[in-house]
Amino acid sequence: MRMVIRFFFRTLRLILTPFVLLSEKLGNGRPLERSPAEQQEADAACEQLVLYQFKTCPFCVKVRKQIARLNLKIEKRDAQHNETHRAELEQGGGQVKVPCLRISNPDGSETWMYESSDINAWLEQRFGKAA
């Protein structure tokens, strides 16, 4: 029975994958516009951020859409197919769960933020229009 369930979900994932990726490409909208100085400041701040993700995870797509909307250059690491990135995620964050945003703090410590809604809220607060 377990094998049948696993087969069902793998088949479902295979069928839905193109639609998930297509929705990401079509639904980004217009990126946030900043002055060149503000964009340079945002780019510098983004050097301290890394997003661990799976390419077809709907929650990761949600975060990538927010990144595109806010016009951010955040490094993305594939924790599904790259064993090194997967090990970094597990060792640093404590679990292999995506999306996960690694924030390198000025004091040298790191914060590992899980949950797409929390990540999006933090990005909006840090890089949104009001910021």
C-alpha atoms as a PDB file:
ATOM      1  CA  MET A   1       0.000   0.000   0.000  1.00  0.00           C
ATOM      2  CA  ARG A   2       2.826   2.381   0.862  1.00  0.00           C
ATOM      3  CA  MET A   3       4.327   1.865  -2.588  1.00  0.00           C
ATOM      4  CA  VAL A   4       1.005   2.717  -4.276  1.00  0.00           C
ATOM      5  CA  ILE A   5       0.702   5.956  -2.299  1.00  0.00           C
ATOM      6  CA  ARG A   6       4.285   6.908  -3.083  1.00  0.00           C
ATOM      7  CA  PHE A   7       3.710   6.176  -6.792  1.00  0.00           C
ATOM      8  CA  PHE A   8       0.522   8.269  -6.769  1.00  0.00           C
ATOM      9  CA  PHE A   9       2.213  11.334  -5.291  1.00  0.00           C
ATOM     10  CA  ARG A  10       5.252  11.051  -7.547  1.00  0.00           C
ATOM     11  CA  THR A  11       2.978  10.881 -10.579  1.00  0.00           C
ATOM     12  CA  LEU A  12       0.927  13.822  -9.318  1.00  0.00           C
ATOM     13  CA  ARG A  13       4.091  15.851  -8.750  1.00  0.00           C
ATOM     14  CA  LEU A  14       5.297  14.985 -12.252  1.00  0.00           C
ATOM     15  CA  ILE A  15       2.017  16.190 -13.750  1.00  0.00           C
ATOM     16  CA  LEU A  16       1.821  19.411 -11.716  1.00  0.00           C
ATOM     17  CA  THR A  17       5.476  20.483 -12.043  1.00  0.00           C
ATOM     18  CA  PRO A  18       5.125  22.283 -15.408  1.00  0.00           C
ATOM     19  CA  PHE A  19       2.095  24.198 -14.131  1.00  0.00           C
ATOM     20  CA  VAL A  20       3.890  25.297 -10.954  1.00  0.00           C
ATOM     21  CA  LEU A  21       6.880  26.559 -12.942  1.00  0.00           C
ATOM     22  CA  LEU A  22       4.649  28.248 -15.520  1.00  0.00           C
ATOM     23  CA  SER A  23       2.708  30.068 -12.803  1.00  0.00           C
ATOM     24  CA  GLU A  24       5.993  31.444 -11.469  1.00  0.00           C
ATOM     25  CA  LYS A  25       6.994  32.792 -14.876  1.00  0.00           C
ATOM     26  CA  LEU A  26       3.598  34.341 -15.627  1.00  0.00           C
ATOM     27  CA  GLY A  27       2.683  35.709 -12.223  1.00  0.00           C
ATOM     28  CA  ASN A  28       5.636  37.858 -11.186  1.00  0.00           C
ATOM     29  CA  GLY A  29       4.274  41.236 -12.269  1.00  0.00           C
ATOM     30  CA  ARG A  30       6.353  44.374 -12.339  1.00  0.00           C
ATOM     31  CA  PRO A  31       9.408  44.514 -10.072  1.00  0.00           C
ATOM     32  CA  LEU A  32       9.805  47.275  -7.518  1.00  0.00           C
ATOM     33  CA  GLU A  33      11.689  50.255  -8.922  1.00  0.00           C
ATOM     34  CA  ARG A  34      14.357  51.942  -6.839  1.00  0.00           C
ATOM     35  CA  SER A  35      16.849  54.692  -7.489  1.00  0.00           C
ATOM     36  CA  PRO A  36      20.301  53.400  -8.510  1.00  0.00           C
ATOM     37  CA  ALA A  37      21.681  54.206  -5.045  1.00  0.00           C
ATOM     38  CA  GLU A  38      18.808  52.408  -3.300  1.00  0.00           C
ATOM     39  CA  GLN A  39      19.178  49.397  -5.615  1.00  0.00           C
ATOM     40  CA  GLN A  40      22.907  49.250  -4.924  1.00  0.00           C
ATOM     41  CA  GLU A  41      22.179  49.325  -1.185  1.00  0.00           C
ATOM     42  CA  ALA A  42      19.589  46.533  -1.544  1.00  0.00           C
ATOM     43  CA  ASP A  43      22.026  44.459  -3.628  1.00  0.00           C
ATOM     44  CA  ALA A  44      24.711  44.866  -0.956  1.00  0.00           C
ATOM     45  CA  ALA A  45      22.269  43.774   1.767  1.00  0.00           C
ATOM     46  CA  CYS A  46      21.235  40.750  -0.334  1.00  0.00           C
ATOM     47  CA  GLU A  47      24.826  39.487  -0.344  1.00  0.00           C
ATOM     48  CA  GLN A  48      24.147  38.379   3.245  1.00  0.00           C
ATOM     49  CA  LEU A  49      21.132  36.267   2.197  1.00  0.00           C
ATOM     50  CA  VAL A  50      20.843  32.771   0.730  1.00  0.00           C
ATOM     51  CA  LEU A  51      17.614  30.973  -0.143  1.00  0.00           C
ATOM     52  CA  TYR A  52      17.649  27.181   0.125  1.00  0.00           C
ATOM     53  CA  GLN A  53      14.900  25.806  -2.064  1.00  0.00           C
ATOM     54  CA  PHE A  54      13.475  23.057  -4.247  1.00  0.00           C
ATOM     55  CA  LYS A  55      12.762  24.186  -7.803  1.00  0.00           C
ATOM     56  CA  THR A  56       9.154  22.920  -7.942  1.00  0.00           C
ATOM     57  CA  CYS A  57       8.078  23.433  -4.337  1.00  0.00           C
ATOM     58  CA  PRO A  58       5.001  25.721  -4.370  1.00  0.00           C
ATOM     59  CA  PHE A  59       6.119  27.443  -1.163  1.00  0.00           C
ATOM     60  CA  CYS A  60       9.541  28.110  -2.691  1.00  0.00           C
ATOM     61  CA  VAL A  61       7.817  29.518  -5.782  1.00  0.00           C
ATOM     62  CA  LYS A  62       5.889  31.851  -3.469  1.00  0.00           C
ATOM     63  CA  VAL A  63       9.154  33.161  -1.987  1.00  0.00           C
ATOM     64  CA  ARG A  64      10.852  33.442  -5.390  1.00  0.00           C
ATOM     65  CA  LYS A  65       7.899  35.505  -6.642  1.00  0.00           C
ATOM     66  CA  GLN A  66       8.338  37.874  -3.685  1.00  0.00           C
ATOM     67  CA  ILE A  67      12.061  38.123  -4.418  1.00  0.00           C
ATOM     68  CA  ALA A  68      11.308  38.975  -8.058  1.00  0.00           C
ATOM     69  CA  ARG A  69       8.599  41.471  -7.069  1.00  0.00           C
ATOM     70  CA  LEU A  70      10.974  43.241  -4.681  1.00  0.00           C
ATOM     71  CA  ASN A  71      13.734  43.205  -7.336  1.00  0.00           C
ATOM     72  CA  LEU A  72      16.260  41.441  -5.085  1.00  0.00           C
ATOM     73  CA  LYS A  73      19.400  39.566  -6.074  1.00  0.00           C
ATOM     74  CA  ILE A  74      19.382  36.752  -3.514  1.00  0.00           C
ATOM     75  CA  GLU A  75      21.505  33.669  -4.106  1.00  0.00           C
ATOM     76  CA  LYS A  76      19.345  30.562  -4.540  1.00  0.00           C
ATOM     77  CA  ARG A  77      20.660  27.119  -3.646  1.00  0.00           C
ATOM     78  CA  ASP A  78      19.041  23.872  -4.747  1.00  0.00           C
ATOM     79  CA  ALA A  79      18.783  21.674  -1.656  1.00  0.00           C
ATOM     80  CA  GLN A  80      16.968  18.943  -3.555  1.00  0.00           C
ATOM     81  CA  HIS A  81      19.570  17.951  -6.146  1.00  0.00           C
ATOM     82  CA  ASN A  82      22.786  19.340  -4.643  1.00  0.00           C
ATOM     83  CA  GLU A  83      24.068  17.258  -1.729  1.00  0.00           C
ATOM     84  CA  THR A  84      26.431  19.999  -0.522  1.00  0.00           C
ATOM     85  CA  HIS A  85      23.629  22.544  -0.232  1.00  0.00           C
ATOM     86  CA  ARG A  86      21.375  19.943   1.373  1.00  0.00           C
ATOM     87  CA  ALA A  87      24.066  19.194   3.986  1.00  0.00           C
ATOM     88  CA  GLU A  88      24.577  22.942   4.659  1.00  0.00           C
ATOM     89  CA  LEU A  89      20.843  23.333   5.217  1.00  0.00           C
ATOM     90  CA  GLU A  90      20.646  20.367   7.561  1.00  0.00           C
ATOM     91  CA  GLN A  91      23.766  21.305   9.520  1.00  0.00           C
ATOM     92  CA  GLY A  92      23.053  25.038   9.805  1.00  0.00           C
ATOM     93  CA  GLY A  93      19.277  25.126  10.019  1.00  0.00           C
ATOM     94  CA  GLY A  94      18.812  21.816  11.780  1.00  0.00           C
ATOM     95  CA  GLN A  95      16.426  20.289   9.245  1.00  0.00           C
ATOM     96  CA  VAL A  96      16.004  19.749   5.532  1.00  0.00           C
ATOM     97  CA  LYS A  97      12.909  21.869   5.050  1.00  0.00           C
ATOM     98  CA  VAL A  98      12.384  24.454   2.341  1.00  0.00           C
ATOM     99  CA  PRO A  99      12.108  27.292   1.737  1.00  0.00           C
ATOM    100  CA  CYS A 100      14.754  28.438   4.171  1.00  0.00           C
ATOM    101  CA  LEU A 101      16.407  31.848   4.148  1.00  0.00           C
ATOM    102  CA  ARG A 102      19.866  32.017   5.695  1.00  0.00           C
ATOM    103  CA  ILE A 103      20.614  35.482   7.024  1.00  0.00           C
ATOM    104  CA  SER A 104      24.254  36.237   7.843  1.00  0.00           C
ATOM    105  CA  ASN A 105      24.265  38.811  10.644  1.00  0.00           C
ATOM    106  CA  PRO A 106      26.950  41.511  10.997  1.00  0.00           C
ATOM    107  CA  ASP A 107      28.240  39.870  14.201  1.00  0.00           C
ATOM    108  CA  GLY A 108      29.057  36.676  12.272  1.00  0.00           C
ATOM    109  CA  SER A 109      26.083  34.662  13.493  1.00  0.00           C
ATOM    110  CA  GLU A 110      23.483  33.192  11.176  1.00  0.00           C
ATOM    111  CA  THR A 111      19.697  33.109  11.360  1.00  0.00           C
ATOM    112  CA  TRP A 112      17.846  30.346   9.531  1.00  0.00           C
ATOM    113  CA  MET A 113      14.290  31.396   8.701  1.00  0.00           C
ATOM    114  CA  TYR A 114      11.760  28.787   7.609  1.00  0.00           C
ATOM    115  CA  GLU A 115       8.130  29.183   6.435  1.00  0.00           C
ATOM    116  CA  SER A 116       7.371  31.022   3.207  1.00  0.00           C
ATOM    117  CA  SER A 117       4.974  33.511   4.845  1.00  0.00           C
ATOM    118  CA  ASP A 118       7.562  34.475   7.485  1.00  0.00           C
ATOM    119  CA  ILE A 119      10.259  34.876   4.836  1.00  0.00           C
ATOM    120  CA  ASN A 120       7.994  36.996   2.624  1.00  0.00           C
ATOM    121  CA  ALA A 121       6.951  39.206   5.551  1.00  0.00           C
ATOM    122  CA  TRP A 122      10.597  39.713   6.550  1.00  0.00           C
ATOM    123  CA  LEU A 123      11.601  40.549   2.965  1.00  0.00           C
ATOM    124  CA  GLU A 124       8.709  43.005   2.648  1.00  0.00           C
ATOM    125  CA  GLN A 125       9.613  44.686   5.934  1.00  0.00           C
ATOM    126  CA  ARG A 126      13.319  44.846   5.070  1.00  0.00           C
ATOM    127  CA  PHE A 127      13.156  45.696   1.347  1.00  0.00           C
ATOM    128  CA  GLY A 128       9.588  46.842   0.617  1.00  0.00           C
ATOM    129  CA  LYS A 129       8.515  50.333  -0.373  1.00  0.00           C
ATOM    130  CA  ALA A 130       8.199  51.508   3.252  1.00  0.00           C
ATOM    131  CA  ALA A 131      11.755  50.374   4.026  1.00  0.00           C
END
